[in-house]
Amino acid sequence: KRYVDSVKGRFAISRDRSKNTVYLQMNSLNPEDTAIYFCA
């Protein structure tokens, strides 16, 4: 897993292969996190 410095310790990426899904848990959000989020 890799994180950009600005989200380290606050965001966590994970995946569930059985559900064909990837998640992004975002904690301690601040106004600088405001954006459109895309999955790729």
PDB file of all heavy atoms in Angstrom:
ATOM      1  N   LYS A   1       0.853  -1.190   0.000  1.00  0.00           N
ATOM      2  CA  LYS A   1       0.000   0.000   0.000  1.00  0.00           C
ATOM      3  C   LYS A   1       0.884   1.234   0.000  1.00  0.00           C
ATOM      4  O   LYS A   1       1.972   1.218   0.563  1.00  0.00           O
ATOM      5  CB  LYS A   1      -0.895   0.018   1.252  1.00  0.00           C
ATOM      6  CG  LYS A   1      -1.786  -1.203   1.390  1.00  0.00           C
ATOM      7  CD  LYS A   1      -2.564  -1.179   2.693  1.00  0.00           C
ATOM      8  CE  LYS A   1      -3.398  -2.449   2.854  1.00  0.00           C
ATOM      9  NZ  LYS A   1      -4.149  -2.467   4.130  1.00  0.00           N
ATOM     10  N   ARG A   2       0.392   2.272  -0.621  1.00  0.00           N
ATOM     11  CA  ARG A   2       1.138   3.526  -0.651  1.00  0.00           C
ATOM     12  C   ARG A   2       0.171   4.664  -0.392  1.00  0.00           C
ATOM     13  O   ARG A   2      -0.970   4.640  -0.839  1.00  0.00           O
ATOM     14  CB  ARG A   2       1.831   3.696  -1.990  1.00  0.00           C
ATOM     15  CG  ARG A   2       2.613   4.979  -2.118  1.00  0.00           C
ATOM     16  CD  ARG A   2       3.596   4.925  -3.255  1.00  0.00           C
ATOM     17  NE  ARG A   2       4.671   3.972  -3.015  1.00  0.00           N
ATOM     18  CZ  ARG A   2       5.834   4.012  -3.657  1.00  0.00           C
ATOM     19  NH1 ARG A   2       6.049   4.949  -4.566  1.00  0.00           N
ATOM     20  NH2 ARG A   2       6.744   3.114  -3.415  1.00  0.00           N
ATOM     21  N   TYR A   3       0.680   5.669   0.352  1.00  0.00           N
ATOM     22  CA  TYR A   3      -0.113   6.849   0.669  1.00  0.00           C
ATOM     23  C   TYR A   3       0.704   8.097   0.406  1.00  0.00           C
ATOM     24  O   TYR A   3       1.913   8.128   0.667  1.00  0.00           O
ATOM     25  CB  TYR A   3      -0.521   6.844   2.149  1.00  0.00           C
ATOM     26  CG  TYR A   3      -1.352   5.662   2.571  1.00  0.00           C
ATOM     27  CD1 TYR A   3      -0.759   4.521   3.105  1.00  0.00           C
ATOM     28  CD2 TYR A   3      -2.739   5.676   2.439  1.00  0.00           C
ATOM     29  CE1 TYR A   3      -1.519   3.430   3.491  1.00  0.00           C
ATOM     30  CE2 TYR A   3      -3.517   4.593   2.837  1.00  0.00           C
ATOM     31  CZ  TYR A   3      -2.894   3.473   3.357  1.00  0.00           C
ATOM     32  OH  TYR A   3      -3.654   2.400   3.736  1.00  0.00           O
ATOM     33  N   VAL A   4       0.040   9.117  -0.058  1.00  0.00           N
ATOM     34  CA  VAL A   4       0.687  10.417  -0.160  1.00  0.00           C
ATOM     35  C   VAL A   4       0.838  10.977   1.257  1.00  0.00           C
ATOM     36  O   VAL A   4       0.045  10.658   2.160  1.00  0.00           O
ATOM     37  CB  VAL A   4      -0.143  11.348  -1.070  1.00  0.00           C
ATOM     38  CG1 VAL A   4      -1.455  11.721  -0.421  1.00  0.00           C
ATOM     39  CG2 VAL A   4       0.635  12.571  -1.452  1.00  0.00           C
ATOM     40  N   ASP A   5       1.850  11.782   1.478  1.00  0.00           N
ATOM     41  CA  ASP A   5       2.164  12.250   2.833  1.00  0.00           C
ATOM     42  C   ASP A   5       0.993  12.947   3.504  1.00  0.00           C
ATOM     43  O   ASP A   5       0.781  12.815   4.718  1.00  0.00           O
ATOM     44  CB  ASP A   5       3.367  13.197   2.803  1.00  0.00           C
ATOM     45  CG  ASP A   5       4.681  12.470   2.576  1.00  0.00           C
ATOM     46  OD1 ASP A   5       4.704  11.225   2.713  1.00  0.00           O
ATOM     47  OD2 ASP A   5       5.682  13.138   2.269  1.00  0.00           O
ATOM     48  N   SER A   6       0.206  13.679   2.744  1.00  0.00           N
ATOM     49  CA  SER A   6      -0.868  14.475   3.338  1.00  0.00           C
ATOM     50  C   SER A   6      -1.994  13.635   3.942  1.00  0.00           C
ATOM     51  O   SER A   6      -2.796  14.153   4.728  1.00  0.00           O
ATOM     52  CB  SER A   6      -1.450  15.438   2.298  1.00  0.00           C
ATOM     53  OG  SER A   6      -1.999  14.716   1.214  1.00  0.00           O
ATOM     54  N   VAL A   7      -2.057  12.338   3.607  1.00  0.00           N
ATOM     55  CA  VAL A   7      -3.130  11.500   4.150  1.00  0.00           C
ATOM     56  C   VAL A   7      -2.600  10.375   5.032  1.00  0.00           C
ATOM     57  O   VAL A   7      -3.398   9.635   5.618  1.00  0.00           O
ATOM     58  CB  VAL A   7      -4.027  10.909   3.033  1.00  0.00           C
ATOM     59  CG1 VAL A   7      -4.541  12.011   2.117  1.00  0.00           C
ATOM     60  CG2 VAL A   7      -3.286   9.840   2.231  1.00  0.00           C
ATOM     61  N   LYS A   8      -1.309  10.232   5.132  1.00  0.00           N
ATOM     62  CA  LYS A   8      -0.737   9.168   5.967  1.00  0.00           C
ATOM     63  C   LYS A   8      -1.209   9.302   7.404  1.00  0.00           C
ATOM     64  O   LYS A   8      -1.208  10.384   7.978  1.00  0.00           O
ATOM     65  CB  LYS A   8       0.792   9.226   5.911  1.00  0.00           C
ATOM     66  CG  LYS A   8       1.388   8.611   4.675  1.00  0.00           C
ATOM     67  CD  LYS A   8       2.922   8.684   4.707  1.00  0.00           C
ATOM     68  CE  LYS A   8       3.528   8.103   3.460  1.00  0.00           C
ATOM     69  NZ  LYS A   8       5.001   8.244   3.443  1.00  0.00           N
ATOM     70  N   GLY A   9      -1.611   8.171   7.971  1.00  0.00           N
ATOM     71  CA  GLY A   9      -2.078   8.165   9.340  1.00  0.00           C
ATOM     72  C   GLY A   9      -3.547   8.529   9.489  1.00  0.00           C
ATOM     73  O   GLY A   9      -4.120   8.358  10.573  1.00  0.00           O
ATOM     74  N   ARG A  10      -4.150   9.031   8.429  1.00  0.00           N
ATOM     75  CA  ARG A  10      -5.576   9.407   8.476  1.00  0.00           C
ATOM     76  C   ARG A  10      -6.431   8.531   7.557  1.00  0.00           C
ATOM     77  O   ARG A  10      -7.583   8.248   7.881  1.00  0.00           O
ATOM     78  CB  ARG A  10      -5.752  10.869   8.065  1.00  0.00           C
ATOM     79  CG  ARG A  10      -5.012  11.852   8.929  1.00  0.00           C
ATOM     80  CD  ARG A  10      -5.421  13.293   8.597  1.00  0.00           C
ATOM     81  NE  ARG A  10      -5.117  13.659   7.225  1.00  0.00           N
ATOM     82  CZ  ARG A  10      -6.021  14.106   6.351  1.00  0.00           C
ATOM     83  NH1 ARG A  10      -7.288  14.234   6.695  1.00  0.00           N
ATOM     84  NH2 ARG A  10      -5.651  14.443   5.114  1.00  0.00           N
ATOM     85  N   PHE A  11      -5.884   8.146   6.422  1.00  0.00           N
ATOM     86  CA  PHE A  11      -6.614   7.353   5.441  1.00  0.00           C
ATOM     87  C   PHE A  11      -6.071   5.926   5.424  1.00  0.00           C
ATOM     88  O   PHE A  11      -4.883   5.697   5.674  1.00  0.00           O
ATOM     89  CB  PHE A  11      -6.464   7.950   4.044  1.00  0.00           C
ATOM     90  CG  PHE A  11      -7.155   9.265   3.823  1.00  0.00           C
ATOM     91  CD1 PHE A  11      -7.696   9.995   4.865  1.00  0.00           C
ATOM     92  CD2 PHE A  11      -7.271   9.772   2.527  1.00  0.00           C
ATOM     93  CE1 PHE A  11      -8.321  11.214   4.653  1.00  0.00           C
ATOM     94  CE2 PHE A  11      -7.897  10.983   2.292  1.00  0.00           C
ATOM     95  CZ  PHE A  11      -8.421  11.708   3.355  1.00  0.00           C
ATOM     96  N   ALA A  12      -6.950   4.984   5.114  1.00  0.00           N
ATOM     97  CA  ALA A  12      -6.541   3.583   4.998  1.00  0.00           C
ATOM     98  C   ALA A  12      -7.226   2.945   3.797  1.00  0.00           C
ATOM     99  O   ALA A  12      -8.448   2.994   3.683  1.00  0.00           O
ATOM    100  CB  ALA A  12      -6.884   2.821   6.267  1.00  0.00           C
ATOM    101  N   ILE A  13      -6.416   2.357   2.926  1.00  0.00           N
ATOM    102  CA  ILE A  13      -6.945   1.673   1.753  1.00  0.00           C
ATOM    103  C   ILE A  13      -6.992   0.174   2.031  1.00  0.00           C
ATOM    104  O   ILE A  13      -6.115  -0.370   2.712  1.00  0.00           O
ATOM    105  CB  ILE A  13      -6.088   1.981   0.499  1.00  0.00           C
ATOM    106  CG1 ILE A  13      -6.789   1.520  -0.773  1.00  0.00           C
ATOM    107  CG2 ILE A  13      -4.691   1.374   0.623  1.00  0.00           C
ATOM    108  CD1 ILE A  13      -6.099   2.025  -2.053  1.00  0.00           C
ATOM    109  N   SER A  14      -8.025  -0.478   1.531  1.00  0.00           N
ATOM    110  CA  SER A  14      -8.157  -1.920   1.718  1.00  0.00           C
ATOM    111  C   SER A  14      -8.962  -2.484   0.565  1.00  0.00           C
ATOM    112  O   SER A  14      -9.556  -1.731  -0.207  1.00  0.00           O
ATOM    113  CB  SER A  14      -8.834  -2.242   3.061  1.00  0.00           C
ATOM    114  OG  SER A  14     -10.148  -1.709   3.097  1.00  0.00           O
ATOM    115  N   ARG A  15      -8.973  -3.810   0.471  1.00  0.00           N
ATOM    116  CA  ARG A  15      -9.752  -4.418  -0.607  1.00  0.00           C
ATOM    117  C   ARG A  15     -10.384  -5.707  -0.111  1.00  0.00           C
ATOM    118  O   ARG A  15      -9.833  -6.405   0.736  1.00  0.00           O
ATOM    119  CB  ARG A  15      -8.902  -4.643  -1.848  1.00  0.00           C
ATOM    120  CG  ARG A  15      -7.788  -5.651  -1.747  1.00  0.00           C
ATOM    121  CD  ARG A  15      -6.858  -5.556  -2.965  1.00  0.00           C
ATOM    122  NE  ARG A  15      -7.605  -5.578  -4.214  1.00  0.00           N
ATOM    123  CZ  ARG A  15      -7.119  -5.155  -5.384  1.00  0.00           C
ATOM    124  NH1 ARG A  15      -5.888  -4.680  -5.459  1.00  0.00           N
ATOM    125  NH2 ARG A  15      -7.849  -5.220  -6.479  1.00  0.00           N
ATOM    126  N   ASP A  16     -11.536  -5.999  -0.689  1.00  0.00           N
ATOM    127  CA  ASP A  16     -12.260  -7.245  -0.404  1.00  0.00           C
ATOM    128  C   ASP A  16     -12.466  -7.935  -1.739  1.00  0.00           C
ATOM    129  O   ASP A  16     -13.327  -7.543  -2.532  1.00  0.00           O
ATOM    130  CB  ASP A  16     -13.599  -6.927   0.275  1.00  0.00           C
ATOM    131  CG  ASP A  16     -14.333  -8.177   0.726  1.00  0.00           C
ATOM    132  OD1 ASP A  16     -14.129  -9.247   0.123  1.00  0.00           O
ATOM    133  OD2 ASP A  16     -15.134  -8.081   1.662  1.00  0.00           O
ATOM    134  N   ARG A  17     -11.658  -8.942  -1.981  1.00  0.00           N
ATOM    135  CA  ARG A  17     -11.711  -9.614  -3.278  1.00  0.00           C
ATOM    136  C   ARG A  17     -13.055 -10.305  -3.489  1.00  0.00           C
ATOM    137  O   ARG A  17     -13.535 -10.392  -4.620  1.00  0.00           O
ATOM    138  CB  ARG A  17     -10.562 -10.614  -3.373  1.00  0.00           C
ATOM    139  CG  ARG A  17      -9.183  -9.947  -3.345  1.00  0.00           C
ATOM    140  CD  ARG A  17      -8.078 -10.972  -3.145  1.00  0.00           C
ATOM    141  NE  ARG A  17      -7.896 -11.821  -4.322  1.00  0.00           N
ATOM    142  CZ  ARG A  17      -7.036 -11.556  -5.299  1.00  0.00           C
ATOM    143  NH1 ARG A  17      -6.281 -10.478  -5.239  1.00  0.00           N
ATOM    144  NH2 ARG A  17      -6.921 -12.379  -6.327  1.00  0.00           N
ATOM    145  N   SER A  18     -13.653 -10.786  -2.426  1.00  0.00           N
ATOM    146  CA  SER A  18     -14.939 -11.484  -2.564  1.00  0.00           C
ATOM    147  C   SER A  18     -16.053 -10.543  -3.020  1.00  0.00           C
ATOM    148  O   SER A  18     -17.037 -10.979  -3.605  1.00  0.00           O
ATOM    149  CB  SER A  18     -15.324 -12.146  -1.238  1.00  0.00           C
ATOM    150  OG  SER A  18     -15.639 -11.180  -0.251  1.00  0.00           O
ATOM    151  N   LYS A  19     -15.883  -9.266  -2.741  1.00  0.00           N
ATOM    152  CA  LYS A  19     -16.889  -8.271  -3.133  1.00  0.00           C
ATOM    153  C   LYS A  19     -16.432  -7.442  -4.332  1.00  0.00           C
ATOM    154  O   LYS A  19     -17.147  -6.511  -4.725  1.00  0.00           O
ATOM    155  CB  LYS A  19     -17.197  -7.351  -1.943  1.00  0.00           C
ATOM    156  CG  LYS A  19     -17.842  -8.070  -0.769  1.00  0.00           C
ATOM    157  CD  LYS A  19     -18.173  -7.101   0.353  1.00  0.00           C
ATOM    158  CE  LYS A  19     -18.851  -7.833   1.506  1.00  0.00           C
ATOM    159  NZ  LYS A  19     -19.159  -6.916   2.631  1.00  0.00           N
ATOM    160  N   ASN A  20     -15.265  -7.764  -4.866  1.00  0.00           N
ATOM    161  CA  ASN A  20     -14.739  -7.018  -6.025  1.00  0.00           C
ATOM    162  C   ASN A  20     -14.702  -5.516  -5.729  1.00  0.00           C
ATOM    163  O   ASN A  20     -15.039  -4.688  -6.583  1.00  0.00           O
ATOM    164  CB  ASN A  20     -15.594  -7.273  -7.269  1.00  0.00           C
ATOM    165  CG  ASN A  20     -14.764  -7.475  -8.524  1.00  0.00           C
ATOM    166  OD1 ASN A  20     -13.647  -8.006  -8.466  1.00  0.00           O
ATOM    167  ND2 ASN A  20     -15.289  -7.054  -9.655  1.00  0.00           N
ATOM    168  N   THR A  21     -14.274  -5.185  -4.527  1.00  0.00           N
ATOM    169  CA  THR A  21     -14.376  -3.817  -4.034  1.00  0.00           C
ATOM    170  C   THR A  21     -13.077  -3.377  -3.358  1.00  0.00           C
ATOM    171  O   THR A  21     -12.416  -4.183  -2.701  1.00  0.00           O
ATOM    172  CB  THR A  21     -15.538  -3.704  -3.031  1.00  0.00           C
ATOM    173  OG1 THR A  21     -16.758  -4.080  -3.672  1.00  0.00           O
ATOM    174  CG2 THR A  21     -15.680  -2.285  -2.502  1.00  0.00           C
ATOM    175  N   VAL A  22     -12.763  -2.107  -3.553  1.00  0.00           N
ATOM    176  CA  VAL A  22     -11.665  -1.468  -2.841  1.00  0.00           C
ATOM    177  C   VAL A  22     -12.246  -0.317  -2.041  1.00  0.00           C
ATOM    178  O   VAL A  22     -13.115   0.408  -2.528  1.00  0.00           O
ATOM    179  CB  VAL A  22     -10.579  -0.974  -3.808  1.00  0.00           C
ATOM    180  CG1 VAL A  22      -9.542  -0.114  -3.091  1.00  0.00           C
ATOM    181  CG2 VAL A  22      -9.901  -2.160  -4.486  1.00  0.00           C
ATOM    182  N   TYR A  23     -11.752  -0.144  -0.827  1.00  0.00           N
ATOM    183  CA  TYR A  23     -12.270   0.881   0.067  1.00  0.00           C
ATOM    184  C   TYR A  23     -11.201   1.930   0.382  1.00  0.00           C
ATOM    185  O   TYR A  23     -10.002   1.657   0.308  1.00  0.00           O
ATOM    186  CB  TYR A  23     -12.720   0.249   1.392  1.00  0.00           C
ATOM    187  CG  TYR A  23     -13.756  -0.816   1.252  1.00  0.00           C
ATOM    188  CD1 TYR A  23     -13.401  -2.164   1.262  1.00  0.00           C
ATOM    189  CD2 TYR A  23     -15.090  -0.494   1.106  1.00  0.00           C
ATOM    190  CE1 TYR A  23     -14.357  -3.166   1.138  1.00  0.00           C
ATOM    191  CE2 TYR A  23     -16.055  -1.486   0.981  1.00  0.00           C
ATOM    192  CZ  TYR A  23     -15.679  -2.812   0.999  1.00  0.00           C
ATOM    193  OH  TYR A  23     -16.634  -3.787   0.871  1.00  0.00           O
ATOM    194  N   LEU A  24     -11.678   3.107   0.761  1.00  0.00           N
ATOM    195  CA  LEU A  24     -10.794   4.128   1.312  1.00  0.00           C
ATOM    196  C   LEU A  24     -11.464   4.678   2.564  1.00  0.00           C
ATOM    197  O   LEU A  24     -12.468   5.392   2.478  1.00  0.00           O
ATOM    198  CB  LEU A  24     -10.525   5.253   0.311  1.00  0.00           C
ATOM    199  CG  LEU A  24      -9.511   6.289   0.785  1.00  0.00           C
ATOM    200  CD1 LEU A  24      -8.110   5.664   0.876  1.00  0.00           C
ATOM    201  CD2 LEU A  24      -9.484   7.501  -0.139  1.00  0.00           C
ATOM    202  N   GLN A  25     -10.943   4.301   3.720  1.00  0.00           N
ATOM    203  CA  GLN A  25     -11.423   4.833   4.979  1.00  0.00           C
ATOM    204  C   GLN A  25     -10.724   6.146   5.249  1.00  0.00           C
ATOM    205  O   GLN A  25      -9.491   6.186   5.300  1.00  0.00           O
ATOM    206  CB  GLN A  25     -11.147   3.842   6.119  1.00  0.00           C
ATOM    207  CG  GLN A  25     -11.579   4.333   7.490  1.00  0.00           C
ATOM    208  CD  GLN A  25     -13.080   4.486   7.629  1.00  0.00           C
ATOM    209  OE1 GLN A  25     -13.842   3.619   7.183  1.00  0.00           O
ATOM    210  NE2 GLN A  25     -13.519   5.575   8.237  1.00  0.00           N
ATOM    211  N   MET A  26     -11.498   7.204   5.438  1.00  0.00           N
ATOM    212  CA  MET A  26     -10.930   8.527   5.623  1.00  0.00           C
ATOM    213  C   MET A  26     -11.343   9.058   6.993  1.00  0.00           C
ATOM    214  O   MET A  26     -12.544   9.232   7.252  1.00  0.00           O
ATOM    215  CB  MET A  26     -11.413   9.471   4.517  1.00  0.00           C
ATOM    216  CG  MET A  26     -11.132   8.955   3.120  1.00  0.00           C
ATOM    217  SD  MET A  26     -11.514  10.167   1.814  1.00  0.00           S
ATOM    218  CE  MET A  26     -13.276  10.344   2.037  1.00  0.00           C
ATOM    219  N   ASN A  27     -10.365   9.301   7.829  1.00  0.00           N
ATOM    220  CA  ASN A  27     -10.605   9.812   9.182  1.00  0.00           C
ATOM    221  C   ASN A  27      -9.958  11.190   9.345  1.00  0.00           C
ATOM    222  O   ASN A  27      -9.107  11.587   8.545  1.00  0.00           O
ATOM    223  CB  ASN A  27     -10.032   8.846  10.221  1.00  0.00           C
ATOM    224  CG  ASN A  27     -10.657   7.471  10.139  1.00  0.00           C
ATOM    225  OD1 ASN A  27     -11.849   7.312   9.867  1.00  0.00           O
ATOM    226  ND2 ASN A  27      -9.852   6.446  10.377  1.00  0.00           N
ATOM    227  N   SER A  28     -10.356  11.882  10.387  1.00  0.00           N
ATOM    228  CA  SER A  28      -9.792  13.207  10.700  1.00  0.00           C
ATOM    229  C   SER A  28      -9.792  14.114   9.474  1.00  0.00           C
ATOM    230  O   SER A  28      -8.791  14.758   9.157  1.00  0.00           O
ATOM    231  CB  SER A  28      -8.366  13.056  11.255  1.00  0.00           C
ATOM    232  OG  SER A  28      -8.364  12.256  12.420  1.00  0.00           O
ATOM    233  N   LEU A  29     -10.908  14.146   8.801  1.00  0.00           N
ATOM    234  CA  LEU A  29     -11.006  14.939   7.568  1.00  0.00           C
ATOM    235  C   LEU A  29     -10.908  16.426   7.877  1.00  0.00           C
ATOM    236  O   LEU A  29     -11.374  16.906   8.919  1.00  0.00           O
ATOM    237  CB  LEU A  29     -12.307  14.624   6.855  1.00  0.00           C
ATOM    238  CG  LEU A  29     -12.335  13.256   6.147  1.00  0.00           C
ATOM    239  CD1 LEU A  29     -13.765  12.823   5.857  1.00  0.00           C
ATOM    240  CD2 LEU A  29     -11.517  13.311   4.864  1.00  0.00           C
ATOM    241  N   ASN A  30     -10.298  17.141   6.971  1.00  0.00           N
ATOM    242  CA  ASN A  30     -10.196  18.594   7.087  1.00  0.00           C
ATOM    243  C   ASN A  30     -10.601  19.231   5.757  1.00  0.00           C
ATOM    244  O   ASN A  30     -10.713  18.539   4.733  1.00  0.00           O
ATOM    245  CB  ASN A  30      -8.780  18.998   7.522  1.00  0.00           C
ATOM    246  CG  ASN A  30      -7.730  18.525   6.536  1.00  0.00           C
ATOM    247  OD1 ASN A  30      -7.716  18.946   5.388  1.00  0.00           O
ATOM    248  ND2 ASN A  30      -6.822  17.667   6.991  1.00  0.00           N
ATOM    249  N   PRO A  31     -10.850  20.536   5.763  1.00  0.00           N
ATOM    250  CA  PRO A  31     -11.337  21.186   4.531  1.00  0.00           C
ATOM    251  C   PRO A  31     -10.422  20.994   3.325  1.00  0.00           C
ATOM    252  O   PRO A  31     -10.912  21.009   2.189  1.00  0.00           O
ATOM    253  CB  PRO A  31     -11.427  22.662   4.940  1.00  0.00           C
ATOM    254  CG  PRO A  31     -11.708  22.612   6.404  1.00  0.00           C
ATOM    255  CD  PRO A  31     -10.901  21.453   6.913  1.00  0.00           C
ATOM    256  N   GLU A  32      -9.131  20.791   3.562  1.00  0.00           N
ATOM    257  CA  GLU A  32      -8.201  20.569   2.450  1.00  0.00           C
ATOM    258  C   GLU A  32      -8.432  19.223   1.756  1.00  0.00           C
ATOM    259  O   GLU A  32      -7.896  18.987   0.673  1.00  0.00           O
ATOM    260  CB  GLU A  32      -6.760  20.646   2.936  1.00  0.00           C
ATOM    261  CG  GLU A  32      -6.281  22.051   3.332  1.00  0.00           C
ATOM    262  CD  GLU A  32      -6.947  22.569   4.594  1.00  0.00           C
ATOM    263  OE1 GLU A  32      -7.149  21.757   5.540  1.00  0.00           O
ATOM    264  OE2 GLU A  32      -7.296  23.761   4.655  1.00  0.00           O
ATOM    265  N   ASP A  33      -9.214  18.357   2.358  1.00  0.00           N
ATOM    266  CA  ASP A  33      -9.542  17.079   1.735  1.00  0.00           C
ATOM    267  C   ASP A  33     -10.729  17.187   0.782  1.00  0.00           C
ATOM    268  O   ASP A  33     -11.081  16.204   0.112  1.00  0.00           O
ATOM    269  CB  ASP A  33      -9.864  16.028   2.808  1.00  0.00           C
ATOM    270  CG  ASP A  33      -8.675  15.702   3.689  1.00  0.00           C
ATOM    271  OD1 ASP A  33      -7.569  15.509   3.151  1.00  0.00           O
ATOM    272  OD2 ASP A  33      -8.860  15.631   4.922  1.00  0.00           O
ATOM    273  N   THR A  34     -11.339  18.349   0.709  1.00  0.00           N
ATOM    274  CA  THR A  34     -12.471  18.546  -0.190  1.00  0.00           C
ATOM    275  C   THR A  34     -12.029  18.382  -1.639  1.00  0.00           C
ATOM    276  O   THR A  34     -11.094  19.049  -2.088  1.00  0.00           O
ATOM    277  CB  THR A  34     -13.083  19.942   0.011  1.00  0.00           C
ATOM    278  OG1 THR A  34     -13.645  20.008   1.334  1.00  0.00           O
ATOM    279  CG2 THR A  34     -14.169  20.220  -1.018  1.00  0.00           C
ATOM    280  N   ALA A  35     -12.697  17.484  -2.355  1.00  0.00           N
ATOM    281  CA  ALA A  35     -12.308  17.179  -3.726  1.00  0.00           C
ATOM    282  C   ALA A  35     -13.283  16.153  -4.299  1.00  0.00           C
ATOM    283  O   ALA A  35     -14.102  15.583  -3.570  1.00  0.00           O
ATOM    284  CB  ALA A  35     -10.886  16.615  -3.781  1.00  0.00           C
ATOM    285  N   ILE A  36     -13.157  15.927  -5.594  1.00  0.00           N
ATOM    286  CA  ILE A  36     -13.798  14.770  -6.206  1.00  0.00           C
ATOM    287  C   ILE A  36     -12.799  13.620  -6.111  1.00  0.00           C
ATOM    288  O   ILE A  36     -11.645  13.760  -6.496  1.00  0.00           O
ATOM    289  CB  ILE A  36     -14.174  15.035  -7.671  1.00  0.00           C
ATOM    290  CG1 ILE A  36     -15.136  16.216  -7.769  1.00  0.00           C
ATOM    291  CG2 ILE A  36     -14.814  13.789  -8.279  1.00  0.00           C
ATOM    292  CD1 ILE A  36     -15.447  16.637  -9.198  1.00  0.00           C
ATOM    293  N   TYR A  37     -13.267  12.494  -5.610  1.00  0.00           N
ATOM    294  CA  TYR A  37     -12.409  11.319  -5.424  1.00  0.00           C
ATOM    295  C   TYR A  37     -12.724  10.288  -6.509  1.00  0.00           C
ATOM    296  O   TYR A  37     -13.883   9.930  -6.721  1.00  0.00           O
ATOM    297  CB  TYR A  37     -12.632  10.731  -4.034  1.00  0.00           C
ATOM    298  CG  TYR A  37     -11.965  11.540  -2.953  1.00  0.00           C
ATOM    299  CD1 TYR A  37     -12.429  12.807  -2.609  1.00  0.00           C
ATOM    300  CD2 TYR A  37     -10.841  11.050  -2.279  1.00  0.00           C
ATOM    301  CE1 TYR A  37     -11.805  13.576  -1.638  1.00  0.00           C
ATOM    302  CE2 TYR A  37     -10.212  11.799  -1.298  1.00  0.00           C
ATOM    303  CZ  TYR A  37     -10.697  13.055  -0.982  1.00  0.00           C
ATOM    304  OH  TYR A  37     -10.071  13.811  -0.013  1.00  0.00           O
ATOM    305  N   PHE A  38     -11.666   9.837  -7.163  1.00  0.00           N
ATOM    306  CA  PHE A  38     -11.787   8.883  -8.248  1.00  0.00           C
ATOM    307  C   PHE A  38     -11.083   7.579  -7.891  1.00  0.00           C
ATOM    308  O   PHE A  38     -10.016   7.578  -7.280  1.00  0.00           O
ATOM    309  CB  PHE A  38     -11.138   9.432  -9.526  1.00  0.00           C
ATOM    310  CG  PHE A  38     -11.756  10.690 -10.055  1.00  0.00           C
ATOM    311  CD1 PHE A  38     -11.309  11.925  -9.634  1.00  0.00           C
ATOM    312  CD2 PHE A  38     -12.780  10.631 -10.998  1.00  0.00           C
ATOM    313  CE1 PHE A  38     -11.860  13.099 -10.136  1.00  0.00           C
ATOM    314  CE2 PHE A  38     -13.337  11.797 -11.502  1.00  0.00           C
ATOM    315  CZ  PHE A  38     -12.884  13.029 -11.062  1.00  0.00           C
ATOM    316  N   CYS A  39     -11.683   6.514  -8.342  1.00  0.00           N
ATOM    317  CA  CYS A  39     -11.062   5.202  -8.257  1.00  0.00           C
ATOM    318  C   CYS A  39     -10.469   4.883  -9.628  1.00  0.00           C
ATOM    319  O   CYS A  39     -11.071   5.215 -10.662  1.00  0.00           O
ATOM    320  CB  CYS A  39     -12.129   4.181  -7.880  1.00  0.00           C
ATOM    321  SG  CYS A  39     -11.625   2.474  -7.927  1.00  0.00           S
ATOM    322  N   ALA A  40      -9.297   4.246  -9.641  1.00  0.00           N
ATOM    323  CA  ALA A  40      -8.653   3.873 -10.896  1.00  0.00           C
ATOM    324  C   ALA A  40      -8.075   2.476 -10.778  1.00  0.00           C
ATOM    325  O   ALA A  40      -7.716   2.030  -9.685  1.00  0.00           O
ATOM    326  CB  ALA A  40      -7.552   4.875 -11.236  1.00  0.00           C
TER     327      ALA A  40
END
